[in-house]
PDB file of all heavy atoms in Angstrom:
ATOM      1  N   HIS A   1     -14.680  -6.077  -1.974  1.00  0.00           N
ATOM      2  CA  HIS A   1     -15.526  -6.999  -1.214  1.00  0.00           C
ATOM      3  C   HIS A   1     -15.957  -8.189  -2.072  1.00  0.00           C
ATOM      4  O   HIS A   1     -15.843  -9.337  -1.648  1.00  0.00           O
ATOM      5  CB  HIS A   1     -16.747  -6.267  -0.651  1.00  0.00           C
ATOM      6  CG  HIS A   1     -16.404  -5.304   0.429  1.00  0.00           C
ATOM      7  ND1 HIS A   1     -16.045  -3.999   0.160  1.00  0.00           N
ATOM      8  CD2 HIS A   1     -16.332  -5.451   1.770  1.00  0.00           C
ATOM      9  CE1 HIS A   1     -15.775  -3.384   1.298  1.00  0.00           C
ATOM     10  NE2 HIS A   1     -15.938  -4.245   2.289  1.00  0.00           N
ATOM     11  N   ARG A   2     -16.407  -7.906  -3.253  1.00  0.00           N
ATOM     12  CA  ARG A   2     -16.843  -8.986  -4.145  1.00  0.00           C
ATOM     13  C   ARG A   2     -15.641  -9.801  -4.626  1.00  0.00           C
ATOM     14  O   ARG A   2     -15.696 -11.023  -4.691  1.00  0.00           O
ATOM     15  CB  ARG A   2     -17.600  -8.391  -5.324  1.00  0.00           C
ATOM     16  CG  ARG A   2     -18.236  -9.438  -6.178  1.00  0.00           C
ATOM     17  CD  ARG A   2     -19.245  -8.835  -7.101  1.00  0.00           C
ATOM     18  NE  ARG A   2     -19.845  -9.888  -7.893  1.00  0.00           N
ATOM     19  CZ  ARG A   2     -20.608  -9.680  -8.918  1.00  0.00           C
ATOM     20  NH1 ARG A   2     -20.891  -8.441  -9.282  1.00  0.00           N
ATOM     21  NH2 ARG A   2     -21.103 -10.679  -9.589  1.00  0.00           N
ATOM     22  N   PHE A   3     -14.550  -9.107  -4.936  1.00  0.00           N
ATOM     23  CA  PHE A   3     -13.334  -9.763  -5.420  1.00  0.00           C
ATOM     24  C   PHE A   3     -12.796 -10.746  -4.378  1.00  0.00           C
ATOM     25  O   PHE A   3     -12.335 -11.839  -4.719  1.00  0.00           O
ATOM     26  CB  PHE A   3     -12.292  -8.691  -5.752  1.00  0.00           C
ATOM     27  CG  PHE A   3     -11.062  -9.190  -6.436  1.00  0.00           C
ATOM     28  CD1 PHE A   3     -11.092  -9.547  -7.789  1.00  0.00           C
ATOM     29  CD2 PHE A   3      -9.858  -9.275  -5.762  1.00  0.00           C
ATOM     30  CE1 PHE A   3      -9.945  -9.989  -8.442  1.00  0.00           C
ATOM     31  CE2 PHE A   3      -8.713  -9.718  -6.401  1.00  0.00           C
ATOM     32  CZ  PHE A   3      -8.756 -10.071  -7.743  1.00  0.00           C
ATOM     33  N   MET A   4     -12.852 -10.350  -3.101  1.00  0.00           N
ATOM     34  CA  MET A   4     -12.346 -11.200  -2.021  1.00  0.00           C
ATOM     35  C   MET A   4     -13.384 -12.195  -1.514  1.00  0.00           C
ATOM     36  O   MET A   4     -13.044 -13.141  -0.802  1.00  0.00           O
ATOM     37  CB  MET A   4     -11.889 -10.334  -0.839  1.00  0.00           C
ATOM     38  CG  MET A   4     -10.693  -9.465  -1.128  1.00  0.00           C
ATOM     39  SD  MET A   4     -10.255  -8.389   0.261  1.00  0.00           S
ATOM     40  CE  MET A   4      -9.433  -9.555   1.355  1.00  0.00           C
ATOM     41  N   GLY A   5     -14.653 -11.935  -1.819  1.00  0.00           N
ATOM     42  CA  GLY A   5     -15.713 -12.776  -1.262  1.00  0.00           C
ATOM     43  C   GLY A   5     -15.947 -12.499   0.210  1.00  0.00           C
ATOM     44  O   GLY A   5     -16.421 -13.350   0.951  1.00  0.00           O
ATOM     45  N   TRP A   6     -15.612 -11.288   0.633  1.00  0.00           N
ATOM     46  CA  TRP A   6     -15.714 -10.887   2.049  1.00  0.00           C
ATOM     47  C   TRP A   6     -16.737  -9.764   2.163  1.00  0.00           C
ATOM     48  O   TRP A   6     -16.589  -8.720   1.528  1.00  0.00           O
ATOM     49  CB  TRP A   6     -14.347 -10.404   2.534  1.00  0.00           C
ATOM     50  CG  TRP A   6     -14.321  -9.896   3.938  1.00  0.00           C
ATOM     51  CD1 TRP A   6     -14.315  -8.579   4.336  1.00  0.00           C
ATOM     52  CD2 TRP A   6     -14.302 -10.661   5.138  1.00  0.00           C
ATOM     53  NE1 TRP A   6     -14.286  -8.493   5.699  1.00  0.00           N
ATOM     54  CE2 TRP A   6     -14.288  -9.773   6.225  1.00  0.00           C
ATOM     55  CE3 TRP A   6     -14.310 -12.028   5.397  1.00  0.00           C
ATOM     56  CZ2 TRP A   6     -14.269 -10.199   7.545  1.00  0.00           C
ATOM     57  CZ3 TRP A   6     -14.283 -12.450   6.714  1.00  0.00           C
ATOM     58  CH2 TRP A   6     -14.255 -11.553   7.769  1.00  0.00           C
ATOM     59  N   ASP A   7     -17.788  -9.962   2.968  1.00  0.00           N
ATOM     60  CA  ASP A   7     -18.823  -8.943   3.082  1.00  0.00           C
ATOM     61  C   ASP A   7     -18.649  -8.045   4.303  1.00  0.00           C
ATOM     62  O   ASP A   7     -19.439  -7.140   4.530  1.00  0.00           O
ATOM     63  CB  ASP A   7     -20.215  -9.569   3.069  1.00  0.00           C
ATOM     64  CG  ASP A   7     -20.449 -10.539   4.225  1.00  0.00           C
ATOM     65  OD1 ASP A   7     -19.540 -10.727   5.067  1.00  0.00           O
ATOM     66  OD2 ASP A   7     -21.549 -11.122   4.291  1.00  0.00           O
ATOM     67  N   GLY A   8     -17.595  -8.276   5.069  1.00  0.00           N
ATOM     68  CA  GLY A   8     -17.315  -7.442   6.237  1.00  0.00           C
ATOM     69  C   GLY A   8     -16.433  -6.258   5.870  1.00  0.00           C
ATOM     70  O   GLY A   8     -16.060  -6.057   4.716  1.00  0.00           O
ATOM     71  N   PRO A   9     -16.091  -5.445   6.859  1.00  0.00           N
ATOM     72  CA  PRO A   9     -15.248  -4.277   6.624  1.00  0.00           C
ATOM     73  C   PRO A   9     -13.850  -4.653   6.110  1.00  0.00           C
ATOM     74  O   PRO A   9     -13.299  -5.690   6.479  1.00  0.00           O
ATOM     75  CB  PRO A   9     -15.148  -3.622   8.006  1.00  0.00           C
ATOM     76  CG  PRO A   9     -16.322  -4.127   8.763  1.00  0.00           C
ATOM     77  CD  PRO A   9     -16.558  -5.507   8.254  1.00  0.00           C
ATOM     78  N   ILE A  10     -13.325  -3.785   5.241  1.00  0.00           N
ATOM     79  CA  ILE A  10     -11.967  -3.948   4.705  1.00  0.00           C
ATOM     80  C   ILE A  10     -11.230  -2.623   4.852  1.00  0.00           C
ATOM     81  O   ILE A  10     -11.764  -1.567   4.503  1.00  0.00           O
ATOM     82  CB  ILE A  10     -11.978  -4.350   3.214  1.00  0.00           C
ATOM     83  CG1 ILE A  10     -12.673  -5.697   3.019  1.00  0.00           C
ATOM     84  CG2 ILE A  10     -10.552  -4.393   2.658  1.00  0.00           C
ATOM     85  CD1 ILE A  10     -12.875  -6.087   1.562  1.00  0.00           C
ATOM     86  N   LEU A  11     -10.008  -2.690   5.357  1.00  0.00           N
ATOM     87  CA  LEU A  11      -9.103  -1.547   5.428  1.00  0.00           C
ATOM     88  C   LEU A  11      -8.017  -1.775   4.384  1.00  0.00           C
ATOM     89  O   LEU A  11      -7.496  -2.884   4.273  1.00  0.00           O
ATOM     90  CB  LEU A  11      -8.482  -1.457   6.825  1.00  0.00           C
ATOM     91  CG  LEU A  11      -7.473  -0.344   7.061  1.00  0.00           C
ATOM     92  CD1 LEU A  11      -7.612   0.176   8.488  1.00  0.00           C
ATOM     93  CD2 LEU A  11      -6.040  -0.802   6.823  1.00  0.00           C
ATOM     94  N   THR A  12      -7.725  -0.747   3.595  1.00  0.00           N
ATOM     95  CA  THR A  12      -6.591  -0.841   2.681  1.00  0.00           C
ATOM     96  C   THR A  12      -5.485   0.060   3.193  1.00  0.00           C
ATOM     97  O   THR A  12      -5.734   1.175   3.627  1.00  0.00           O
ATOM     98  CB  THR A  12      -6.968  -0.428   1.238  1.00  0.00           C
ATOM     99  OG1 THR A  12      -7.735   0.764   1.268  1.00  0.00           O
ATOM    100  CG2 THR A  12      -7.751  -1.525   0.548  1.00  0.00           C
ATOM    101  N   ASP A  13      -4.266  -0.465   3.161  1.00  0.00           N
ATOM    102  CA  ASP A  13      -3.125   0.375   3.514  1.00  0.00           C
ATOM    103  C   ASP A  13      -2.824   1.275   2.322  1.00  0.00           C
ATOM    104  O   ASP A  13      -3.434   1.157   1.272  1.00  0.00           O
ATOM    105  CB  ASP A  13      -1.928  -0.463   3.927  1.00  0.00           C
ATOM    106  CG  ASP A  13      -1.265  -1.172   2.757  1.00  0.00           C
ATOM    107  OD1 ASP A  13      -1.768  -1.095   1.621  1.00  0.00           O
ATOM    108  OD2 ASP A  13      -0.226  -1.799   2.973  1.00  0.00           O
ATOM    109  N   SER A  14      -1.883   2.160   2.479  1.00  0.00           N
ATOM    110  CA  SER A  14      -1.626   3.183   1.462  1.00  0.00           C
ATOM    111  C   SER A  14      -0.488   2.850   0.520  1.00  0.00           C
ATOM    112  O   SER A  14      -0.336   3.480  -0.517  1.00  0.00           O
ATOM    113  CB  SER A  14      -1.255   4.486   2.164  1.00  0.00           C
ATOM    114  OG  SER A  14      -0.038   4.313   2.878  1.00  0.00           O
ATOM    115  N   GLY A  15       0.334   1.882   0.888  1.00  0.00           N
ATOM    116  CA  GLY A  15       1.575   1.634   0.172  1.00  0.00           C
ATOM    117  C   GLY A  15       2.765   2.186   0.932  1.00  0.00           C
ATOM    118  O   GLY A  15       3.909   1.997   0.529  1.00  0.00           O
ATOM    119  N   GLY A  16       2.517   2.860   2.043  1.00  0.00           N
ATOM    120  CA  GLY A  16       3.594   3.455   2.832  1.00  0.00           C
ATOM    121  C   GLY A  16       4.575   2.431   3.380  1.00  0.00           C
ATOM    122  O   GLY A  16       5.774   2.691   3.444  1.00  0.00           O
ATOM    123  N   PHE A  17       4.073   1.259   3.770  1.00  0.00           N
ATOM    124  CA  PHE A  17       4.991   0.245   4.288  1.00  0.00           C
ATOM    125  C   PHE A  17       6.007  -0.156   3.226  1.00  0.00           C
ATOM    126  O   PHE A  17       7.155  -0.455   3.540  1.00  0.00           O
ATOM    127  CB  PHE A  17       4.227  -0.987   4.790  1.00  0.00           C
ATOM    128  CG  PHE A  17       5.137  -2.061   5.313  1.00  0.00           C
ATOM    129  CD1 PHE A  17       5.754  -1.922   6.551  1.00  0.00           C
ATOM    130  CD2 PHE A  17       5.422  -3.197   4.567  1.00  0.00           C
ATOM    131  CE1 PHE A  17       6.616  -2.893   7.036  1.00  0.00           C
ATOM    132  CE2 PHE A  17       6.278  -4.170   5.032  1.00  0.00           C
ATOM    133  CZ  PHE A  17       6.877  -4.019   6.277  1.00  0.00           C
ATOM    134  N   GLN A  18       5.600  -0.136   1.948  1.00  0.00           N
ATOM    135  CA  GLN A  18       6.524  -0.516   0.883  1.00  0.00           C
ATOM    136  C   GLN A  18       7.653   0.503   0.722  1.00  0.00           C
ATOM    137  O   GLN A  18       8.711   0.165   0.209  1.00  0.00           O
ATOM    138  CB  GLN A  18       5.776  -0.717  -0.438  1.00  0.00           C
ATOM    139  CG  GLN A  18       5.095  -2.070  -0.536  1.00  0.00           C
ATOM    140  CD  GLN A  18       3.912  -2.222   0.408  1.00  0.00           C
ATOM    141  OE1 GLN A  18       3.124  -1.301   0.597  1.00  0.00           O
ATOM    142  NE2 GLN A  18       3.786  -3.391   1.000  1.00  0.00           N
ATOM    143  N   LEU A  19       7.445   1.753   1.161  1.00  0.00           N
ATOM    144  CA  LEU A  19       8.543   2.717   1.150  1.00  0.00           C
ATOM    145  C   LEU A  19       9.684   2.208   2.022  1.00  0.00           C
ATOM    146  O   LEU A  19      10.853   2.443   1.738  1.00  0.00           O
ATOM    147  CB  LEU A  19       8.086   4.086   1.641  1.00  0.00           C
ATOM    148  CG  LEU A  19       7.486   5.005   0.591  1.00  0.00           C
ATOM    149  CD1 LEU A  19       6.141   4.560   0.113  1.00  0.00           C
ATOM    150  CD2 LEU A  19       7.399   6.405   1.152  1.00  0.00           C
ATOM    151  N   PHE A  20       9.325   1.492   3.067  1.00  0.00           N
ATOM    152  CA  PHE A  20      10.301   0.890   3.968  1.00  0.00           C
ATOM    153  C   PHE A  20      10.793  -0.456   3.438  1.00  0.00           C
ATOM    154  O   PHE A  20      11.991  -0.674   3.269  1.00  0.00           O
ATOM    155  CB  PHE A  20       9.665   0.720   5.354  1.00  0.00           C
ATOM    156  CG  PHE A  20      10.329  -0.291   6.226  1.00  0.00           C
ATOM    157  CD1 PHE A  20      11.530  -0.011   6.844  1.00  0.00           C
ATOM    158  CD2 PHE A  20       9.752  -1.529   6.433  1.00  0.00           C
ATOM    159  CE1 PHE A  20      12.152  -0.952   7.652  1.00  0.00           C
ATOM    160  CE2 PHE A  20      10.356  -2.479   7.231  1.00  0.00           C
ATOM    161  CZ  PHE A  20      11.562  -2.190   7.841  1.00  0.00           C
ATOM    162  N   SER A  21       9.858  -1.356   3.141  1.00  0.00           N
ATOM    163  CA  SER A  21      10.243  -2.727   2.797  1.00  0.00           C
ATOM    164  C   SER A  21      10.903  -2.844   1.431  1.00  0.00           C
ATOM    165  O   SER A  21      11.658  -3.782   1.191  1.00  0.00           O
ATOM    166  CB  SER A  21       9.031  -3.661   2.881  1.00  0.00           C
ATOM    167  OG  SER A  21       8.081  -3.347   1.891  1.00  0.00           O
ATOM    168  N   LEU A  22      10.602  -1.910   0.521  1.00  0.00           N
ATOM    169  CA  LEU A  22      11.195  -1.933  -0.810  1.00  0.00           C
ATOM    170  C   LEU A  22      12.103  -0.733  -1.034  1.00  0.00           C
ATOM    171  O   LEU A  22      12.277  -0.271  -2.161  1.00  0.00           O
ATOM    172  CB  LEU A  22      10.089  -1.969  -1.875  1.00  0.00           C
ATOM    173  CG  LEU A  22       9.122  -3.154  -1.801  1.00  0.00           C
ATOM    174  CD1 LEU A  22       8.000  -2.991  -2.806  1.00  0.00           C
ATOM    175  CD2 LEU A  22       9.869  -4.468  -2.014  1.00  0.00           C
ATOM    176  N   ALA A  23      12.700  -0.236   0.044  1.00  0.00           N
ATOM    177  CA  ALA A  23      13.505   0.992  -0.027  1.00  0.00           C
ATOM    178  C   ALA A  23      14.594   0.932  -1.090  1.00  0.00           C
ATOM    179  O   ALA A  23      14.900   1.949  -1.718  1.00  0.00           O
ATOM    180  CB  ALA A  23      14.113   1.297   1.345  1.00  0.00           C
ATOM    181  N   LYS A  24      15.147  -0.239  -1.325  1.00  0.00           N
ATOM    182  CA  LYS A  24      16.240  -0.355  -2.298  1.00  0.00           C
ATOM    183  C   LYS A  24      15.781  -0.155  -3.732  1.00  0.00           C
ATOM    184  O   LYS A  24      16.594   0.134  -4.604  1.00  0.00           O
ATOM    185  CB  LYS A  24      16.943  -1.698  -2.148  1.00  0.00           C
ATOM    186  CG  LYS A  24      17.696  -1.800  -0.836  1.00  0.00           C
ATOM    187  CD  LYS A  24      18.408  -3.112  -0.698  1.00  0.00           C
ATOM    188  CE  LYS A  24      19.128  -3.118   0.642  1.00  0.00           C
ATOM    189  NZ  LYS A  24      19.790  -4.359   0.914  1.00  0.00           N
ATOM    190  N   ILE A  25      14.473  -0.319  -3.994  1.00  0.00           N
ATOM    191  CA  ILE A  25      13.961  -0.136  -5.351  1.00  0.00           C
ATOM    192  C   ILE A  25      12.930   0.991  -5.414  1.00  0.00           C
ATOM    193  O   ILE A  25      12.081   1.021  -6.299  1.00  0.00           O
ATOM    194  CB  ILE A  25      13.371  -1.453  -5.921  1.00  0.00           C
ATOM    195  CG1 ILE A  25      12.264  -2.001  -5.016  1.00  0.00           C
ATOM    196  CG2 ILE A  25      14.468  -2.475  -6.151  1.00  0.00           C
ATOM    197  CD1 ILE A  25      11.519  -3.200  -5.605  1.00  0.00           C
ATOM    198  N   THR A  26      13.022   1.921  -4.442  1.00  0.00           N
ATOM    199  CA  THR A  26      12.059   3.017  -4.332  1.00  0.00           C
ATOM    200  C   THR A  26      12.783   4.351  -4.241  1.00  0.00           C
ATOM    201  O   THR A  26      13.802   4.464  -3.561  1.00  0.00           O
ATOM    202  CB  THR A  26      11.190   2.835  -3.063  1.00  0.00           C
ATOM    203  OG1 THR A  26      10.572   1.557  -3.115  1.00  0.00           O
ATOM    204  CG2 THR A  26      10.135   3.907  -2.953  1.00  0.00           C
ATOM    205  N   ARG A  27      12.228   5.349  -4.920  1.00  0.00           N
ATOM    206  CA  ARG A  27      12.734   6.721  -4.812  1.00  0.00           C
ATOM    207  C   ARG A  27      11.617   7.577  -4.222  1.00  0.00           C
ATOM    208  O   ARG A  27      10.510   7.614  -4.756  1.00  0.00           O
ATOM    209  CB  ARG A  27      13.143   7.244  -6.190  1.00  0.00           C
ATOM    210  CG  ARG A  27      13.752   8.643  -6.152  1.00  0.00           C
ATOM    211  CD  ARG A  27      14.301   9.079  -7.500  1.00  0.00           C
ATOM    212  NE  ARG A  27      13.457   8.724  -8.634  1.00  0.00           N
ATOM    213  CZ  ARG A  27      12.515   9.515  -9.145  1.00  0.00           C
ATOM    214  NH1 ARG A  27      12.292  10.695  -8.643  1.00  0.00           N
ATOM    215  NH2 ARG A  27      11.791   9.110 -10.173  1.00  0.00           N
ATOM    216  N   VAL A  28      11.910   8.246  -3.102  1.00  0.00           N
ATOM    217  CA  VAL A  28      10.918   9.073  -2.417  1.00  0.00           C
ATOM    218  C   VAL A  28      11.278  10.540  -2.594  1.00  0.00           C
ATOM    219  O   VAL A  28      12.428  10.934  -2.373  1.00  0.00           O
ATOM    220  CB  VAL A  28      10.857   8.737  -0.904  1.00  0.00           C
ATOM    221  CG1 VAL A  28       9.865   9.645  -0.189  1.00  0.00           C
ATOM    222  CG2 VAL A  28      10.496   7.273  -0.694  1.00  0.00           C
ATOM    223  N   THR A  29      10.289  11.324  -3.012  1.00  0.00           N
ATOM    224  CA  THR A  29      10.424  12.776  -3.100  1.00  0.00           C
ATOM    225  C   THR A  29       9.197  13.393  -2.446  1.00  0.00           C
ATOM    226  O   THR A  29       8.273  12.676  -2.035  1.00  0.00           O
ATOM    227  CB  THR A  29      10.505  13.250  -4.569  1.00  0.00           C
ATOM    228  OG1 THR A  29       9.229  13.009  -5.194  1.00  0.00           O
ATOM    229  CG2 THR A  29      11.616  12.545  -5.333  1.00  0.00           C
ATOM    230  N   GLU A  30       9.154  14.697  -2.399  1.00  0.00           N
ATOM    231  CA  GLU A  30       7.976  15.365  -1.842  1.00  0.00           C
ATOM    232  C   GLU A  30       6.721  15.027  -2.657  1.00  0.00           C
ATOM    233  O   GLU A  30       5.616  14.979  -2.119  1.00  0.00           O
ATOM    234  CB  GLU A  30       8.195  16.881  -1.806  1.00  0.00           C
ATOM    235  CG  GLU A  30       7.153  17.629  -1.025  1.00  0.00           C
ATOM    236  CD  GLU A  30       7.078  17.243   0.444  1.00  0.00           C
ATOM    237  OE1 GLU A  30       8.110  16.883   1.050  1.00  0.00           O
ATOM    238  OE2 GLU A  30       5.974  17.306   1.010  1.00  0.00           O
ATOM    239  N   ALA A  31       6.891  14.775  -3.942  1.00  0.00           N
ATOM    240  CA  ALA A  31       5.744  14.455  -4.805  1.00  0.00           C
ATOM    241  C   ALA A  31       5.141  13.096  -4.472  1.00  0.00           C
ATOM    242  O   ALA A  31       3.946  12.885  -4.659  1.00  0.00           O
ATOM    243  CB  ALA A  31       6.168  14.490  -6.268  1.00  0.00           C
ATOM    244  N   GLY A  32       5.961  12.168  -4.000  1.00  0.00           N
ATOM    245  CA  GLY A  32       5.487  10.828  -3.703  1.00  0.00           C
ATOM    246  C   GLY A  32       6.613   9.829  -3.820  1.00  0.00           C
ATOM    247  O   GLY A  32       7.780  10.165  -3.610  1.00  0.00           O
ATOM    248  N   ALA A  33       6.265   8.616  -4.193  1.00  0.00           N
ATOM    249  CA  ALA A  33       7.258   7.548  -4.313  1.00  0.00           C
ATOM    250  C   ALA A  33       7.167   6.929  -5.692  1.00  0.00           C
ATOM    251  O   ALA A  33       6.082   6.829  -6.273  1.00  0.00           O
ATOM    252  CB  ALA A  33       7.020   6.489  -3.252  1.00  0.00           C
TER     253      ALA A  33
END
C-alpha cells in the first residue's frame, strides 16, 4: 500500500498465470514451479 501510494484494497495474484504465460521457461511439478 505504501509502496504503491494506494490506500484502498489490493489483491495479489499468486504467480499462477505465469505458469501459462511463461510456460516455455517454467518447470511445473507437484512441489511447485
